[in-house]
């Protein structure tokens, strides 16, 4: 036993080499994973049958429940919810921009706080002869709202104003 053995007591160099080898293996595996993973160009989002939901909700709603008569090609309804005193319909445009319709039995101020927080007044718009207050949001969102029969109707989204206005004009209570 004339020499010393480092078998039971590794040097710092041994530890650094081991960590380097393990790190290299992890990087190679990560690279392989990136090569074989397919990311869809358009995320899949579930679609809901908003017409059926609107029809059944209208039978119990005590307000004029609004819904589009139809959606433009490529648009899809992704969320729908009826609760006593409120109705929600969320859609995505063909460019995956969001437009949400909220009908709630709360004041315009509370509706803005809840659904268009941080937005500021941005004039009015007359759509199909009906005046709507318009608000501009911090993320280029646009919101249209009006009070009607004890309900606040609010349409907000990231789509261009012209598309949101086209959506608003498609809303019907029948």
N, C-alpha and C. Protein backbone atom coordinates (compact mmCIF):
# COMPACT_ATOMS: atom_id res chain seq x y z
N UNK A 1 0.80 -1.17 0.00
CA UNK A 1 0.00 0.00 0.00
C UNK A 1 0.85 1.24 0.00
N UNK A 2 1.56 1.36 -1.00
CA UNK A 2 2.45 2.50 -1.07
C UNK A 2 1.79 3.72 -1.65
N UNK A 3 0.74 3.59 -2.49
CA UNK A 3 0.10 4.76 -3.11
C UNK A 3 -1.24 5.08 -2.46
N UNK A 4 -1.75 6.24 -2.77
CA UNK A 4 -3.06 6.60 -2.25
C UNK A 4 -4.10 6.40 -3.35
N UNK A 5 -5.25 5.98 -2.99
CA UNK A 5 -6.33 5.72 -3.94
C UNK A 5 -7.43 6.75 -3.75
N UNK A 6 -7.96 7.20 -4.84
CA UNK A 6 -9.03 8.18 -4.75
C UNK A 6 -10.38 7.53 -4.98
N UNK A 7 -10.43 6.20 -4.92
CA UNK A 7 -11.68 5.49 -5.16
C UNK A 7 -12.79 5.93 -4.21
N UNK A 8 -12.56 6.01 -2.98
CA UNK A 8 -13.58 6.36 -2.02
C UNK A 8 -13.69 7.87 -1.82
N UNK A 9 -12.77 8.62 -2.34
CA UNK A 9 -12.74 10.06 -2.11
C UNK A 9 -12.46 10.76 -3.44
N UNK A 10 -13.52 11.01 -4.27
CA UNK A 10 -13.28 11.59 -5.59
C UNK A 10 -12.77 13.03 -5.50
N UNK A 11 -11.98 13.38 -6.46
CA UNK A 11 -11.47 14.75 -6.50
C UNK A 11 -12.51 15.66 -7.18
N UNK A 12 -12.33 16.95 -7.06
CA UNK A 12 -13.24 17.92 -7.67
C UNK A 12 -13.25 17.75 -9.19
N UNK A 13 -12.16 17.42 -9.78
CA UNK A 13 -12.09 17.19 -11.22
C UNK A 13 -12.98 16.03 -11.64
N UNK A 14 -13.00 14.94 -10.83
CA UNK A 14 -13.87 13.80 -11.13
C UNK A 14 -15.35 14.21 -11.10
N UNK A 15 -15.69 15.00 -10.10
CA UNK A 15 -17.07 15.44 -9.97
C UNK A 15 -17.47 16.33 -11.15
N UNK A 16 -16.63 17.26 -11.54
CA UNK A 16 -16.91 18.16 -12.65
C UNK A 16 -17.07 17.38 -13.95
N UNK A 17 -16.22 16.39 -14.19
CA UNK A 17 -16.35 15.58 -15.41
C UNK A 17 -17.66 14.81 -15.41
N UNK A 18 -18.05 14.25 -14.28
CA UNK A 18 -19.30 13.49 -14.19
C UNK A 18 -20.51 14.39 -14.46
N UNK A 19 -20.51 15.58 -13.86
CA UNK A 19 -21.60 16.52 -14.09
C UNK A 19 -21.63 16.95 -15.55
N UNK A 20 -20.50 17.18 -16.16
CA UNK A 20 -20.43 17.57 -17.56
C UNK A 20 -20.98 16.49 -18.47
N UNK A 21 -20.65 15.23 -18.21
CA UNK A 21 -21.16 14.11 -19.01
C UNK A 21 -22.67 14.02 -18.87
N UNK A 22 -23.17 14.09 -17.63
CA UNK A 22 -24.62 14.02 -17.42
C UNK A 22 -25.35 15.20 -18.08
N UNK A 23 -24.78 16.39 -17.98
CA UNK A 23 -25.36 17.56 -18.62
C UNK A 23 -25.41 17.39 -20.13
N UNK A 24 -24.36 16.84 -20.72
CA UNK A 24 -24.33 16.60 -22.15
C UNK A 24 -25.41 15.62 -22.58
N UNK A 25 -25.62 14.57 -21.78
CA UNK A 25 -26.66 13.59 -22.09
C UNK A 25 -28.04 14.25 -22.05
N UNK A 26 -28.28 15.08 -21.04
CA UNK A 26 -29.57 15.76 -20.92
C UNK A 26 -29.79 16.68 -22.13
N UNK A 27 -28.77 17.41 -22.55
CA UNK A 27 -28.91 18.29 -23.71
C UNK A 27 -29.21 17.52 -24.99
N UNK A 28 -28.54 16.38 -25.18
CA UNK A 28 -28.79 15.56 -26.37
C UNK A 28 -30.23 15.05 -26.35
N UNK A 29 -30.71 14.58 -25.21
CA UNK A 29 -32.09 14.09 -25.12
C UNK A 29 -33.09 15.22 -25.37
N UNK A 30 -32.81 16.40 -24.86
CA UNK A 30 -33.68 17.55 -25.09
C UNK A 30 -33.73 17.88 -26.59
N UNK A 31 -32.59 17.88 -27.24
CA UNK A 31 -32.52 18.16 -28.68
C UNK A 31 -33.31 17.15 -29.50
N UNK A 32 -33.18 15.87 -29.15
CA UNK A 32 -33.93 14.83 -29.85
C UNK A 32 -35.43 15.05 -29.64
N UNK A 33 -35.82 15.40 -28.42
CA UNK A 33 -37.24 15.66 -28.14
C UNK A 33 -37.77 16.80 -28.97
N UNK A 34 -36.97 17.85 -29.15
CA UNK A 34 -37.41 18.99 -29.95
C UNK A 34 -37.55 18.62 -31.42
N UNK A 35 -36.72 17.72 -31.90
CA UNK A 35 -36.78 17.31 -33.30
C UNK A 35 -38.01 16.46 -33.60
N UNK A 36 -38.43 15.65 -32.66
CA UNK A 36 -39.53 14.72 -32.93
C UNK A 36 -40.88 15.24 -32.44
N UNK A 37 -40.91 16.39 -31.78
CA UNK A 37 -42.17 16.95 -31.30
C UNK A 37 -42.81 17.80 -32.40
N UNK A 38 -44.09 17.58 -32.62
CA UNK A 38 -44.83 18.34 -33.62
C UNK A 38 -45.74 19.32 -32.89
N UNK A 39 -45.60 20.58 -33.19
CA UNK A 39 -46.44 21.61 -32.60
C UNK A 39 -47.45 22.03 -33.66
N UNK A 40 -48.75 21.89 -33.35
CA UNK A 40 -49.75 22.29 -34.35
C UNK A 40 -49.70 23.79 -34.60
N UNK A 41 -49.95 24.17 -35.86
CA UNK A 41 -49.96 25.59 -36.21
C UNK A 41 -51.13 26.31 -35.56
N UNK A 42 -52.25 25.65 -35.46
CA UNK A 42 -53.44 26.24 -34.88
C UNK A 42 -53.85 25.40 -33.67
N UNK A 43 -53.87 26.00 -32.49
CA UNK A 43 -54.23 25.20 -31.33
C UNK A 43 -55.66 24.68 -31.44
N UNK A 44 -55.85 23.48 -30.98
CA UNK A 44 -57.19 22.92 -31.02
C UNK A 44 -57.96 23.44 -29.82
N UNK A 45 -59.13 23.94 -30.09
CA UNK A 45 -60.01 24.46 -29.06
C UNK A 45 -61.36 23.81 -29.26
N UNK A 46 -61.94 23.38 -28.17
CA UNK A 46 -63.24 22.72 -28.32
C UNK A 46 -64.27 23.72 -28.83
N UNK A 47 -65.18 23.21 -29.59
CA UNK A 47 -66.26 24.02 -30.15
C UNK A 47 -67.56 23.61 -29.48
N UNK A 48 -68.39 24.59 -29.19
CA UNK A 48 -69.68 24.31 -28.55
C UNK A 48 -70.81 24.71 -29.48
N UNK A 49 -71.95 24.06 -29.31
CA UNK A 49 -73.14 24.36 -30.09
C UNK A 49 -73.90 25.49 -29.39
N UNK A 50 -73.56 26.72 -29.74
CA UNK A 50 -74.14 27.86 -29.05
C UNK A 50 -75.61 28.05 -29.37
N UNK A 51 -76.03 27.65 -30.57
CA UNK A 51 -77.44 27.84 -30.96
C UNK A 51 -78.37 27.03 -30.05
N UNK A 52 -78.02 25.77 -29.83
CA UNK A 52 -78.84 24.92 -28.95
C UNK A 52 -78.83 25.45 -27.53
N UNK A 53 -77.66 25.88 -27.06
CA UNK A 53 -77.57 26.44 -25.71
C UNK A 53 -78.40 27.71 -25.59
N UNK A 54 -78.36 28.56 -26.61
CA UNK A 54 -79.14 29.80 -26.57
C UNK A 54 -80.63 29.50 -26.58
N UNK A 55 -81.05 28.56 -27.43
CA UNK A 55 -82.47 28.22 -27.50
C UNK A 55 -82.99 27.69 -26.17
N UNK A 56 -82.25 26.79 -25.55
CA UNK A 56 -82.72 26.24 -24.28
C UNK A 56 -82.63 27.26 -23.16
N UNK A 57 -81.65 28.12 -23.19
CA UNK A 57 -81.52 29.15 -22.15
C UNK A 57 -82.61 30.19 -22.28
N UNK A 58 -83.04 30.49 -23.50
CA UNK A 58 -84.10 31.48 -23.70
C UNK A 58 -85.41 31.03 -23.06
N UNK A 59 -85.63 29.73 -22.94
CA UNK A 59 -86.88 29.24 -22.36
C UNK A 59 -86.97 29.52 -20.87
N UNK A 60 -85.84 29.73 -20.19
CA UNK A 60 -85.85 30.00 -18.75
C UNK A 60 -85.37 31.40 -18.39
N UNK A 61 -84.75 32.11 -19.33
CA UNK A 61 -84.21 33.44 -19.04
C UNK A 61 -85.34 34.44 -18.86
N UNK A 62 -85.17 35.36 -17.93
CA UNK A 62 -86.17 36.41 -17.72
C UNK A 62 -85.69 37.73 -18.34
N UNK A 63 -84.84 37.62 -19.36
CA UNK A 63 -84.37 38.77 -20.12
C UNK A 63 -84.20 38.35 -21.57
N UNK A 64 -84.05 39.33 -22.46
CA UNK A 64 -83.87 39.02 -23.88
C UNK A 64 -82.44 38.56 -24.12
N UNK A 65 -82.26 37.27 -24.17
CA UNK A 65 -80.95 36.67 -24.33
C UNK A 65 -80.48 36.86 -25.78
N UNK A 66 -79.29 37.43 -25.93
CA UNK A 66 -78.75 37.72 -27.25
C UNK A 66 -77.78 36.64 -27.71
N UNK A 67 -77.82 36.35 -28.98
CA UNK A 67 -76.85 35.43 -29.60
C UNK A 67 -76.81 35.77 -31.09
N UNK A 68 -75.68 35.50 -31.73
CA UNK A 68 -75.62 35.77 -33.18
C UNK A 68 -76.55 34.82 -33.94
N UNK A 69 -77.12 35.33 -35.00
CA UNK A 69 -77.96 34.47 -35.83
C UNK A 69 -77.11 33.40 -36.51
N UNK A 70 -75.88 33.76 -36.85
CA UNK A 70 -74.91 32.80 -37.39
C UNK A 70 -73.52 33.40 -37.21
N UNK A 71 -72.52 32.56 -37.33
CA UNK A 71 -71.13 33.02 -37.24
C UNK A 71 -70.51 33.00 -38.64
N UNK A 72 -69.62 33.93 -38.93
CA UNK A 72 -68.94 33.91 -40.23
C UNK A 72 -68.13 32.62 -40.41
N UNK A 73 -67.85 32.27 -41.65
CA UNK A 73 -67.04 31.08 -41.94
C UNK A 73 -65.71 31.16 -41.19
N UNK A 74 -65.35 30.06 -40.56
CA UNK A 74 -64.08 29.98 -39.84
C UNK A 74 -64.17 30.39 -38.38
N UNK A 75 -65.24 31.07 -37.99
CA UNK A 75 -65.43 31.44 -36.59
C UNK A 75 -66.02 30.25 -35.86
N UNK A 76 -65.73 30.15 -34.56
CA UNK A 76 -66.29 29.05 -33.79
C UNK A 76 -66.58 29.48 -32.36
N UNK A 77 -67.69 29.01 -31.86
CA UNK A 77 -68.06 29.27 -30.47
C UNK A 77 -67.26 28.31 -29.59
N UNK A 78 -66.62 28.85 -28.56
CA UNK A 78 -65.76 28.02 -27.71
C UNK A 78 -66.23 27.94 -26.27
N UNK A 79 -67.12 28.84 -25.86
CA UNK A 79 -67.63 28.77 -24.49
C UNK A 79 -69.02 29.37 -24.43
N UNK A 80 -69.86 28.75 -23.62
CA UNK A 80 -71.22 29.23 -23.44
C UNK A 80 -71.63 28.90 -22.00
N UNK A 81 -72.33 29.87 -21.38
CA UNK A 81 -72.74 29.65 -19.99
C UNK A 81 -73.99 30.47 -19.71
N UNK A 82 -75.01 29.80 -19.18
CA UNK A 82 -76.18 30.50 -18.71
C UNK A 82 -76.31 30.24 -17.21
N UNK A 83 -76.48 31.30 -16.46
CA UNK A 83 -76.80 31.21 -15.05
C UNK A 83 -77.92 32.22 -14.83
N UNK A 84 -78.68 32.06 -13.77
CA UNK A 84 -79.76 33.00 -13.53
C UNK A 84 -79.24 34.42 -13.54
N UNK A 85 -79.76 35.22 -14.43
CA UNK A 85 -79.37 36.62 -14.51
C UNK A 85 -78.11 36.89 -15.31
N UNK A 86 -77.58 35.88 -16.02
CA UNK A 86 -76.40 36.15 -16.84
C UNK A 86 -76.27 35.15 -17.98
N UNK A 87 -75.63 35.61 -19.04
CA UNK A 87 -75.40 34.79 -20.24
C UNK A 87 -74.02 35.15 -20.79
N UNK A 88 -73.25 34.14 -21.15
CA UNK A 88 -71.91 34.34 -21.72
C UNK A 88 -71.79 33.51 -22.98
N UNK A 89 -71.20 34.10 -24.00
CA UNK A 89 -70.87 33.38 -25.23
C UNK A 89 -69.51 33.87 -25.70
N UNK A 90 -68.56 32.96 -25.80
CA UNK A 90 -67.22 33.30 -26.28
C UNK A 90 -66.97 32.67 -27.64
N UNK A 91 -66.42 33.44 -28.55
CA UNK A 91 -66.12 32.93 -29.89
C UNK A 91 -64.69 33.29 -30.28
N UNK A 92 -64.14 32.51 -31.18
CA UNK A 92 -62.85 32.81 -31.79
C UNK A 92 -63.08 33.07 -33.28
N UNK A 93 -62.44 34.11 -33.79
CA UNK A 93 -62.55 34.41 -35.22
C UNK A 93 -61.66 33.46 -36.00
N UNK A 94 -61.69 33.57 -37.31
CA UNK A 94 -60.84 32.72 -38.15
C UNK A 94 -59.36 33.03 -37.94
N UNK A 95 -59.05 34.18 -37.34
CA UNK A 95 -57.65 34.53 -37.01
C UNK A 95 -57.33 34.26 -35.54
N UNK A 96 -58.21 33.52 -34.86
CA UNK A 96 -58.07 33.19 -33.43
C UNK A 96 -58.11 34.40 -32.51
N UNK A 97 -58.75 35.46 -32.94
CA UNK A 97 -59.00 36.60 -32.05
C UNK A 97 -60.27 36.29 -31.26
N UNK A 98 -60.31 36.73 -30.02
CA UNK A 98 -61.43 36.41 -29.13
C UNK A 98 -62.46 37.53 -29.14
N UNK A 99 -63.74 37.14 -29.10
CA UNK A 99 -64.85 38.07 -28.88
C UNK A 99 -65.77 37.41 -27.86
N UNK A 100 -66.07 38.14 -26.79
CA UNK A 100 -66.94 37.61 -25.76
C UNK A 100 -68.16 38.48 -25.57
N UNK A 101 -69.31 37.84 -25.44
CA UNK A 101 -70.57 38.51 -25.15
C UNK A 101 -70.94 38.20 -23.71
N UNK A 102 -71.22 39.24 -22.94
CA UNK A 102 -71.67 39.08 -21.56
C UNK A 102 -72.97 39.84 -21.41
N UNK A 103 -73.98 39.18 -20.89
CA UNK A 103 -75.21 39.84 -20.49
C UNK A 103 -75.35 39.58 -19.01
N UNK A 104 -75.32 40.63 -18.21
CA UNK A 104 -75.31 40.47 -16.77
C UNK A 104 -76.25 41.49 -16.11
N UNK A 105 -76.80 41.08 -15.01
CA UNK A 105 -77.70 41.96 -14.27
C UNK A 105 -76.89 42.71 -13.21
N UNK A 106 -75.94 43.50 -13.67
CA UNK A 106 -75.14 44.36 -12.81
C UNK A 106 -74.97 45.69 -13.53
N UNK A 107 -74.49 46.69 -12.82
CA UNK A 107 -74.32 48.00 -13.42
C UNK A 107 -73.23 47.97 -14.50
N UNK A 108 -73.26 48.97 -15.37
CA UNK A 108 -72.22 49.08 -16.39
C UNK A 108 -70.84 49.19 -15.76
N UNK A 109 -70.75 49.96 -14.67
CA UNK A 109 -69.46 50.14 -14.00
C UNK A 109 -68.90 48.81 -13.49
N UNK A 110 -69.75 48.01 -12.85
CA UNK A 110 -69.29 46.71 -12.35
C UNK A 110 -68.96 45.76 -13.49
N UNK A 111 -69.72 45.84 -14.58
CA UNK A 111 -69.44 44.99 -15.74
C UNK A 111 -68.08 45.33 -16.34
N UNK A 112 -67.78 46.63 -16.42
CA UNK A 112 -66.48 47.05 -16.93
C UNK A 112 -65.37 46.56 -16.01
N UNK A 113 -65.55 46.71 -14.70
CA UNK A 113 -64.55 46.22 -13.74
C UNK A 113 -64.31 44.72 -13.90
N UNK A 114 -65.37 44.00 -14.15
CA UNK A 114 -65.28 42.53 -14.22
C UNK A 114 -64.76 42.01 -15.57
N UNK A 115 -65.20 42.63 -16.67
CA UNK A 115 -64.91 42.08 -17.99
C UNK A 115 -64.01 42.94 -18.86
N UNK A 116 -63.79 44.20 -18.49
CA UNK A 116 -62.97 45.10 -19.31
C UNK A 116 -62.09 45.97 -18.41
N UNK A 117 -61.51 45.33 -17.42
CA UNK A 117 -60.69 46.06 -16.45
C UNK A 117 -59.55 46.81 -17.14
N UNK A 118 -59.35 48.03 -16.72
CA UNK A 118 -58.27 48.84 -17.29
C UNK A 118 -58.64 49.55 -18.57
N UNK A 119 -59.87 49.37 -19.04
CA UNK A 119 -60.28 50.04 -20.28
C UNK A 119 -60.68 51.48 -19.95
N UNK A 120 -60.70 52.30 -21.00
CA UNK A 120 -61.08 53.70 -20.83
C UNK A 120 -62.13 54.05 -21.88
N UNK A 121 -62.96 55.02 -21.55
CA UNK A 121 -64.01 55.45 -22.48
C UNK A 121 -63.37 55.89 -23.80
N UNK A 122 -64.01 55.49 -24.91
CA UNK A 122 -63.47 55.79 -26.23
C UNK A 122 -64.60 56.15 -27.20
N UNK A 123 -65.59 56.89 -26.70
CA UNK A 123 -66.66 57.36 -27.57
C UNK A 123 -67.84 56.41 -27.62
N UNK A 124 -68.63 56.58 -28.66
CA UNK A 124 -69.81 55.75 -28.87
C UNK A 124 -69.81 55.25 -30.30
N UNK A 125 -70.60 54.23 -30.52
CA UNK A 125 -70.78 53.70 -31.87
C UNK A 125 -72.26 53.36 -32.04
N UNK A 126 -72.80 53.72 -33.17
CA UNK A 126 -74.17 53.35 -33.49
C UNK A 126 -74.10 52.16 -34.42
N UNK A 127 -74.65 51.04 -33.94
CA UNK A 127 -74.61 49.80 -34.72
C UNK A 127 -76.05 49.35 -34.93
N UNK A 128 -76.47 49.29 -36.18
CA UNK A 128 -77.84 48.95 -36.54
C UNK A 128 -78.85 49.82 -35.81
N UNK A 129 -78.55 51.11 -35.70
CA UNK A 129 -79.46 52.06 -35.08
C UNK A 129 -79.45 52.08 -33.56
N UNK A 130 -78.59 51.29 -32.94
CA UNK A 130 -78.51 51.23 -31.49
C UNK A 130 -77.18 51.82 -31.05
N UNK A 131 -77.24 52.71 -30.06
CA UNK A 131 -76.03 53.37 -29.56
C UNK A 131 -75.35 52.51 -28.50
N UNK A 132 -74.06 52.28 -28.67
CA UNK A 132 -73.24 51.52 -27.73
C UNK A 132 -72.09 52.42 -27.26
N UNK A 133 -71.76 52.36 -25.98
CA UNK A 133 -70.55 53.02 -25.48
C UNK A 133 -69.37 52.15 -25.88
N UNK A 134 -68.30 52.80 -26.29
CA UNK A 134 -67.11 52.05 -26.72
C UNK A 134 -65.98 52.35 -25.73
N UNK A 135 -65.19 51.32 -25.43
CA UNK A 135 -64.06 51.44 -24.51
C UNK A 135 -62.84 50.81 -25.16
N UNK A 136 -61.69 51.40 -24.91
CA UNK A 136 -60.42 50.86 -25.42
C UNK A 136 -59.66 50.25 -24.24
N UNK A 137 -59.17 49.04 -24.43
CA UNK A 137 -58.47 48.34 -23.37
C UNK A 137 -56.97 48.49 -23.47
N UNK A 138 -56.27 48.09 -22.41
CA UNK A 138 -54.82 48.23 -22.38
C UNK A 138 -54.09 47.32 -23.37
N UNK A 139 -54.71 46.22 -23.78
CA UNK A 139 -54.07 45.28 -24.70
C UNK A 139 -54.68 45.36 -26.09
N UNK A 140 -55.08 46.55 -26.51
CA UNK A 140 -55.74 46.78 -27.80
C UNK A 140 -57.09 46.07 -27.90
N UNK A 141 -57.67 45.69 -26.76
CA UNK A 141 -59.01 45.15 -26.76
C UNK A 141 -60.01 46.29 -26.94
N UNK A 142 -61.14 45.99 -27.53
CA UNK A 142 -62.22 46.96 -27.68
C UNK A 142 -63.46 46.38 -27.04
N UNK A 143 -64.18 47.22 -26.31
CA UNK A 143 -65.39 46.79 -25.62
C UNK A 143 -66.54 47.70 -26.01
N UNK A 144 -67.69 47.09 -26.28
CA UNK A 144 -68.92 47.82 -26.55
C UNK A 144 -69.91 47.43 -25.47
N UNK A 145 -70.59 48.44 -24.89
CA UNK A 145 -71.57 48.11 -23.87
C UNK A 145 -72.75 49.05 -23.91
N UNK A 146 -73.87 48.52 -23.44
CA UNK A 146 -75.09 49.31 -23.33
C UNK A 146 -75.97 48.66 -22.28
N UNK A 147 -76.81 49.48 -21.70
CA UNK A 147 -77.76 49.03 -20.69
C UNK A 147 -79.10 48.87 -21.37
N UNK A 148 -79.80 47.75 -21.13
CA UNK A 148 -81.07 47.50 -21.79
C UNK A 148 -81.93 46.61 -20.89
N UNK A 149 -83.06 47.15 -20.44
CA UNK A 149 -84.00 46.35 -19.67
C UNK A 149 -83.43 45.73 -18.41
N UNK A 150 -82.65 46.46 -17.67
CA UNK A 150 -82.09 45.93 -16.42
C UNK A 150 -80.85 45.08 -16.61
N UNK A 151 -80.43 44.89 -17.85
CA UNK A 151 -79.25 44.08 -18.15
C UNK A 151 -78.16 44.96 -18.75
N UNK A 152 -76.93 44.63 -18.43
CA UNK A 152 -75.81 45.25 -19.11
C UNK A 152 -75.33 44.28 -20.17
N UNK A 153 -75.31 44.74 -21.40
CA UNK A 153 -74.82 43.95 -22.53
C UNK A 153 -73.42 44.44 -22.86
N UNK A 154 -72.47 43.55 -22.85
CA UNK A 154 -71.07 43.92 -23.06
C UNK A 154 -70.46 42.95 -24.06
N UNK A 155 -69.84 43.49 -25.08
CA UNK A 155 -69.12 42.69 -26.08
C UNK A 155 -67.69 43.20 -26.08
N UNK A 156 -66.76 42.30 -25.83
CA UNK A 156 -65.36 42.72 -25.75
C UNK A 156 -64.49 41.73 -26.50
N UNK A 157 -63.37 42.21 -27.03
CA UNK A 157 -62.52 41.27 -27.74
C UNK A 157 -61.24 41.88 -28.25
N UNK A 158 -60.40 40.99 -28.74
CA UNK A 158 -59.11 41.37 -29.31
C UNK A 158 -59.17 41.49 -30.83
N UNK A 159 -60.32 41.17 -31.40
CA UNK A 159 -60.50 41.27 -32.86
C UNK A 159 -60.53 42.75 -33.26
N UNK A 160 -60.29 43.03 -34.53
CA UNK A 160 -60.43 44.42 -35.01
C UNK A 160 -61.84 44.95 -34.76
N UNK A 161 -61.95 46.26 -34.59
CA UNK A 161 -63.24 46.89 -34.30
C UNK A 161 -64.30 46.53 -35.34
N UNK A 162 -63.91 46.49 -36.59
CA UNK A 162 -64.90 46.20 -37.63
C UNK A 162 -65.49 44.80 -37.44
N UNK A 163 -64.69 43.85 -37.03
CA UNK A 163 -65.20 42.50 -36.80
C UNK A 163 -66.09 42.44 -35.57
N UNK A 164 -65.70 43.16 -34.52
CA UNK A 164 -66.53 43.18 -33.31
C UNK A 164 -67.87 43.84 -33.63
N UNK A 165 -67.84 44.93 -34.39
CA UNK A 165 -69.09 45.60 -34.76
C UNK A 165 -69.96 44.71 -35.65
N UNK A 166 -69.34 43.95 -36.52
CA UNK A 166 -70.11 43.00 -37.35
C UNK A 166 -70.76 41.94 -36.46
N UNK A 167 -70.02 41.50 -35.44
CA UNK A 167 -70.55 40.52 -34.50
C UNK A 167 -71.72 41.11 -33.73
N UNK A 168 -71.55 42.35 -33.24
CA UNK A 168 -72.63 43.02 -32.49
C UNK A 168 -73.88 43.13 -33.36
N UNK A 169 -73.71 43.46 -34.62
CA UNK A 169 -74.87 43.61 -35.51
C UNK A 169 -75.56 42.27 -35.78
N UNK A 170 -74.86 41.16 -35.55
CA UNK A 170 -75.48 39.85 -35.78
C UNK A 170 -76.26 39.35 -34.57
N UNK A 171 -76.18 40.06 -33.43
CA UNK A 171 -76.86 39.62 -32.22
C UNK A 171 -78.37 39.79 -32.34
N UNK A 172 -79.06 38.77 -31.90
CA UNK A 172 -80.52 38.79 -31.99
C UNK A 172 -81.10 38.13 -30.75
N UNK A 173 -82.30 38.54 -30.37
CA UNK A 173 -82.97 37.96 -29.21
C UNK A 173 -83.88 36.81 -29.62
N UNK A 174 -83.84 36.42 -30.87
CA UNK A 174 -84.70 35.30 -31.31
C UNK A 174 -83.92 34.25 -32.04
